């Protein structure tokens, strides 16, 4: 659907930490700088109560757009893993019956690294036929399984579902993905807003990066799951288009000529150098 018939579901993904893994595995699990389509589909599947082996083909057809409202900072977490029963840890090798072999010589502690985004905020628009989106809204409001931002240890904060601030009372936003990501107000935290408002000169717009599903897009992401079944889990590629949206600032603009701090337009940065 396009134009006036388009509708989108909008999510605000925020929490103390979130982690959106790409191709990392084994003892080093990294995070990408924005949510993956695999992670987003997994969140919706969990809300609907789907098991890992259940079909997800209908969710793969959803169109996603991700706006980075607050990029957050990278957090490295140091882990050690051991068996609470005091047994040696299993190795990557398997027996003829497909059972994991124990480490040899016996290894009782394994060191791993986990990377997270802390204090990040993303706004996600999901486009689909309205009956599909209505079903997803109901699932998000009363999820069957706990929802997570990439990993189970990363629960989202509220509000998760963003609805239009109008008299219709409808939970869906009119327009296509890019239109909606241009219409949803900036969802960053208060500290981020205060930092931007304190800059001199103040930004006249809030410029936010956006990644949108696009079959003709210039970039390729390898994060489209074919199934979540752990025995046959695999991924395929998708194309995306990257652009920017420009939102009005959520603060009162300061006239530099009247700024009490004395940082008006007459400021000459070269005067200190004697030029």
Protein backbone atom coordinates (compact mmCIF):
# COMPACT_ATOMS: atom_id res chain seq x y z
CA UNK A 1 0.00 0.00 0.00
CA UNK A 2 1.14 3.52 -0.71
CA UNK A 3 -0.08 7.04 -0.20
CA UNK A 4 -3.21 7.69 1.86
CA UNK A 5 -3.93 3.95 2.26
CA UNK A 6 -0.63 3.20 3.98
CA UNK A 7 -0.49 2.54 7.71
CA UNK A 8 2.43 1.86 10.05
CA UNK A 9 2.95 0.43 13.49
CA UNK A 10 5.55 2.41 15.44
CA UNK A 11 7.80 1.06 18.20
CA UNK A 12 10.18 2.92 20.50
CA UNK A 13 13.14 0.66 21.34
CA UNK A 14 14.87 1.99 24.44
CA UNK A 15 16.39 0.47 27.55
CA UNK A 16 19.47 0.49 29.76
CA UNK A 17 21.19 -1.86 27.29
CA UNK A 18 20.36 -3.49 23.97
CA UNK A 19 22.38 -5.66 21.63
CA UNK A 20 21.75 -6.41 17.95
CA UNK A 21 24.17 -9.12 16.88
CA UNK A 22 25.31 -9.55 13.33
CA UNK A 23 27.63 -12.35 12.26
CA UNK A 24 29.53 -12.62 15.54
CA UNK A 25 29.64 -15.93 17.39
CA UNK A 26 31.64 -18.10 19.80
CA UNK A 27 33.35 -16.19 22.61
CA UNK A 28 32.93 -12.66 21.19
CA UNK A 29 29.40 -11.36 20.62
CA UNK A 30 29.35 -7.90 19.13
CA UNK A 31 26.47 -5.52 18.50
CA UNK A 32 25.59 -3.49 15.44
CA UNK A 33 24.75 0.19 15.74
CA UNK A 34 21.03 -0.28 15.01
CA UNK A 35 18.41 -3.03 15.29
CA UNK A 36 18.62 -5.91 12.83
CA UNK A 37 15.61 -7.21 10.92
CA UNK A 38 16.19 -10.58 12.52
CA UNK A 39 15.94 -9.03 15.98
CA UNK A 40 12.82 -7.05 15.10
CA UNK A 41 11.06 -10.06 13.61
CA UNK A 42 12.06 -12.07 16.67
CA UNK A 43 10.50 -9.43 18.95
CA UNK A 44 7.20 -9.51 17.02
CA UNK A 45 7.21 -13.32 16.88
CA UNK A 46 7.71 -13.47 20.66
CA UNK A 47 4.84 -11.03 21.19
CA UNK A 48 2.56 -13.30 19.15
CA UNK A 49 3.68 -16.39 21.04
CA UNK A 50 5.41 -18.15 18.17
CA UNK A 51 7.81 -20.96 19.01
CA UNK A 52 11.26 -21.08 17.45
CA UNK A 53 10.25 -23.78 14.96
CA UNK A 54 7.02 -22.01 13.91
CA UNK A 55 6.79 -20.47 10.42
CA UNK A 56 7.76 -16.80 10.09
CA UNK A 57 7.29 -16.27 6.33
CA UNK A 58 4.48 -13.75 6.88
CA UNK A 59 6.70 -11.65 9.18
CA UNK A 60 9.48 -11.62 6.58
CA UNK A 61 7.16 -9.71 4.24
CA UNK A 62 6.86 -6.77 6.66
CA UNK A 63 8.58 -3.54 5.63
CA UNK A 64 10.74 -1.98 8.35
CA UNK A 65 12.28 1.43 8.82
CA UNK A 66 14.67 2.25 11.69
CA UNK A 67 15.43 5.77 12.92
CA UNK A 68 18.31 6.34 15.31
CA UNK A 69 17.09 8.93 17.81
CA UNK A 70 19.90 8.40 20.33
CA UNK A 71 22.91 6.29 19.26
CA UNK A 72 24.03 5.46 22.80
CA UNK A 73 27.53 4.28 23.66
CA UNK A 74 29.28 0.94 23.39
CA UNK A 75 29.56 -1.19 26.52
CA UNK A 76 31.93 -4.17 26.80
CA UNK A 77 30.88 -6.79 29.35
CA UNK A 78 33.36 -9.40 30.56
CA UNK A 79 31.87 -12.88 31.13
CA UNK A 80 33.06 -16.19 32.48
CA UNK A 81 31.08 -19.37 31.91
CA UNK A 82 31.25 -22.57 33.95
CA UNK A 83 29.06 -25.59 34.72
CA UNK A 84 27.40 -25.24 38.13
CA UNK A 85 27.86 -28.99 38.64
CA UNK A 86 31.64 -28.65 38.40
CA UNK A 87 31.85 -30.62 35.16
CA UNK A 88 34.27 -29.86 32.29
CA UNK A 89 32.83 -27.61 29.61
CA UNK A 90 31.82 -29.11 26.26
CA UNK A 91 33.94 -28.46 23.18
CA UNK A 92 32.89 -27.57 19.64
CA UNK A 93 33.61 -31.16 18.48
CA UNK A 94 30.83 -33.77 18.38
CA UNK A 95 30.68 -37.54 18.50
CA UNK A 96 29.37 -39.79 15.72
CA UNK A 97 25.98 -39.57 17.44
CA UNK A 98 26.03 -35.78 17.32
CA UNK A 99 26.75 -35.28 21.02
CA UNK A 100 29.23 -32.62 22.12
CA UNK A 101 32.57 -33.89 23.36
CA UNK A 102 34.08 -32.56 26.56
CA UNK A 103 37.12 -30.31 26.37
CA UNK A 104 40.43 -32.14 26.50
CA UNK A 105 42.35 -31.31 28.57
CA UNK A 106 39.38 -30.48 30.77
CA UNK A 107 38.44 -26.80 30.80
CA UNK A 108 36.20 -25.60 33.62
CA UNK A 109 35.96 -21.87 32.87
CA UNK A 110 35.36 -20.13 29.56
CA UNK A 111 35.97 -16.42 29.02
CA UNK A 112 33.61 -14.54 26.72
CA UNK A 113 32.97 -10.93 25.75
CA UNK A 114 29.56 -9.36 25.20
CA UNK A 115 29.01 -5.93 23.66
CA UNK A 116 25.94 -3.76 24.20
CA UNK A 117 24.57 -0.35 23.29
CA UNK A 118 23.78 1.55 26.47
CA UNK A 119 21.20 4.36 26.61
CA UNK A 120 20.32 4.03 22.92
CA UNK A 121 16.88 4.92 21.51
CA UNK A 122 15.45 3.79 18.17
CA UNK A 123 12.11 4.44 16.51
CA UNK A 124 10.92 1.63 14.24
CA UNK A 125 8.09 1.89 11.71
CA UNK A 126 6.53 -1.34 10.42
CA UNK A 127 4.38 -1.26 7.27
CA UNK A 128 1.87 -3.98 6.33
CA UNK A 129 -1.83 -4.35 5.54
CA UNK A 130 -3.91 -2.86 8.35
CA UNK A 131 -5.38 -6.18 9.62
CA UNK A 132 -1.84 -7.53 10.06
CA UNK A 133 -0.73 -4.43 11.97
CA UNK A 134 -3.82 -4.51 14.19
CA UNK A 135 -2.99 -8.08 15.18
CA UNK A 136 0.58 -7.07 15.98
CA UNK A 137 -0.60 -4.11 18.09
CA UNK A 138 -2.75 -6.44 20.19
CA UNK A 139 0.21 -8.82 20.62
CA UNK A 140 2.61 -6.05 21.69
CA UNK A 141 0.12 -4.74 24.24
CA UNK A 142 -0.22 -8.22 25.77
CA UNK A 143 2.84 -10.23 24.66
CA UNK A 144 2.82 -14.02 25.00
CA UNK A 145 6.57 -14.15 25.75
CA UNK A 146 8.85 -11.54 27.36
CA UNK A 147 10.12 -9.05 24.80
CA UNK A 148 13.79 -8.18 24.45
CA UNK A 149 16.01 -5.74 22.57
CA UNK A 150 18.19 -8.24 20.75
CA UNK A 151 19.05 -10.47 23.72
CA UNK A 152 16.94 -11.90 26.51
CA UNK A 153 18.88 -9.87 29.08
CA UNK A 154 17.82 -6.59 27.42
CA UNK A 155 14.19 -5.78 28.29
CA UNK A 156 12.64 -2.66 26.74
CA UNK A 157 11.41 0.31 28.75
CA UNK A 158 7.97 1.82 28.28
CA UNK A 159 6.41 3.15 26.17
CA UNK A 160 7.19 0.45 23.61
CA UNK A 161 4.24 1.19 21.34
CA UNK A 162 3.94 4.79 20.09
CA UNK A 163 0.51 5.95 18.94
CA UNK A 164 -0.49 9.15 17.14
CA UNK A 165 -1.36 12.13 19.33
CA UNK A 166 -4.69 12.90 17.67
CA UNK A 167 -8.40 12.53 18.28
CA UNK A 168 -8.79 9.33 16.24
CA UNK A 169 -7.60 7.07 19.03
CA UNK A 170 -6.20 4.68 16.44
CA UNK A 171 -2.86 2.99 17.22
CA UNK A 172 -1.57 3.16 13.63
CA UNK A 173 0.16 6.05 11.89
CA UNK A 174 -0.95 7.13 8.38
CA UNK A 175 1.63 7.11 5.59
CA UNK A 176 4.48 4.94 4.40
CA UNK A 177 7.54 4.09 6.47
CA UNK A 178 9.57 7.18 5.56
CA UNK A 179 6.58 9.52 5.98
CA UNK A 180 5.90 8.12 9.43
CA UNK A 181 9.53 8.33 10.55
CA UNK A 182 9.43 12.00 9.53
CA UNK A 183 6.21 12.58 11.50
CA UNK A 184 6.98 10.81 14.79
CA UNK A 185 8.43 13.32 17.30
CA UNK A 186 12.03 12.93 18.44
CA UNK A 187 12.06 10.20 21.11
CA UNK A 188 15.47 10.82 22.68
CA UNK A 189 15.90 11.08 26.43
CA UNK A 190 15.74 14.36 28.33
CA UNK A 191 19.53 14.52 28.82
CA UNK A 192 20.12 14.18 25.07
CA UNK A 193 17.60 16.92 24.34
CA UNK A 194 19.19 19.22 26.94
CA UNK A 195 22.65 18.67 25.45
CA UNK A 196 21.45 19.64 21.98
CA UNK A 197 19.55 22.66 23.31
CA UNK A 198 22.71 23.88 25.10
CA UNK A 199 24.79 24.03 21.91
CA UNK A 200 25.61 27.45 20.48
CA UNK A 201 24.52 28.00 17.86
CA UNK A 202 21.55 25.75 18.43
CA UNK A 203 20.66 23.27 15.69
CA UNK A 204 17.58 24.50 13.84
CA UNK A 205 16.59 20.92 13.00
CA UNK A 206 17.19 17.50 14.53
CA UNK A 207 18.88 15.42 11.82
CA UNK A 208 18.42 11.67 12.34
CA UNK A 209 19.73 8.75 10.23
CA UNK A 210 17.17 6.30 8.85
CA UNK A 211 17.50 2.81 7.33
CA UNK A 212 14.53 1.57 5.29
CA UNK A 213 13.80 -1.74 3.55
CA UNK A 214 14.11 -1.12 -0.20
CA UNK A 215 14.45 -3.86 -2.87
CA UNK A 216 16.39 -1.33 -4.97
CA UNK A 217 18.48 -0.01 -2.08
CA UNK A 218 22.20 0.65 -2.40
CA UNK A 219 23.24 -1.33 0.71
CA UNK A 220 22.94 -5.02 1.59
CA UNK A 221 22.30 -6.44 5.08
CA UNK A 222 22.72 -10.13 5.89
CA UNK A 223 20.11 -10.22 8.66
CA UNK A 224 16.95 -11.68 7.13
CA UNK A 225 16.16 -14.94 8.97
CA UNK A 226 14.74 -17.92 7.12
CA UNK A 227 13.74 -19.64 10.37
CA UNK A 228 14.47 -19.36 14.09
CA UNK A 229 14.65 -23.13 14.51
CA UNK A 230 18.07 -23.63 16.23
CA UNK A 231 18.66 -26.83 14.22
CA UNK A 232 18.31 -25.16 10.80
CA UNK A 233 18.77 -21.47 11.55
CA UNK A 234 20.04 -19.48 8.58
CA UNK A 235 19.98 -15.96 7.17
CA UNK A 236 19.61 -14.39 3.76
CA UNK A 237 20.26 -10.86 2.50
CA UNK A 238 18.02 -7.84 2.06
CA UNK A 239 18.54 -4.46 0.45
CA UNK A 240 18.12 -1.21 2.33
CA UNK A 241 18.18 2.50 1.60
CA UNK A 242 19.87 4.87 4.03
CA UNK A 243 18.82 8.49 4.32
CA UNK A 244 18.11 11.27 6.85
CA UNK A 245 14.98 12.83 8.26
CA UNK A 246 14.87 16.36 9.65
CA UNK A 247 12.60 17.05 12.61
CA UNK A 248 11.76 20.33 14.34
CA UNK A 249 13.65 20.70 17.64
CA UNK A 250 11.71 20.08 20.88
CA UNK A 251 13.15 23.20 22.52
CA UNK A 252 12.81 26.95 22.20
CA UNK A 253 15.38 28.42 19.84
CA UNK A 254 17.67 31.09 21.27
CA UNK A 255 18.40 34.30 19.35
CA UNK A 256 22.20 34.54 19.40
CA UNK A 257 22.11 38.35 19.37
CA UNK A 258 20.13 38.28 22.63
CA UNK A 259 22.00 35.36 24.23
CA UNK A 260 22.91 36.29 27.80
CA UNK A 261 26.07 34.23 27.51
CA UNK A 262 27.61 36.78 25.16
CA UNK A 263 27.97 34.37 22.25
CA UNK A 264 26.25 36.60 19.72
CA UNK A 265 27.06 36.97 16.03
CA UNK A 266 29.89 39.46 16.78
CA UNK A 267 32.06 36.67 18.23
CA UNK A 268 35.37 36.42 16.38
CA UNK A 269 37.14 33.06 17.00
CA UNK A 270 40.34 34.34 15.34
CA UNK A 271 40.74 37.28 17.72
CA UNK A 272 42.48 35.08 20.31
CA UNK A 273 45.13 34.27 17.70
CA UNK A 274 45.80 37.94 16.98
CA UNK A 275 44.57 37.69 13.38
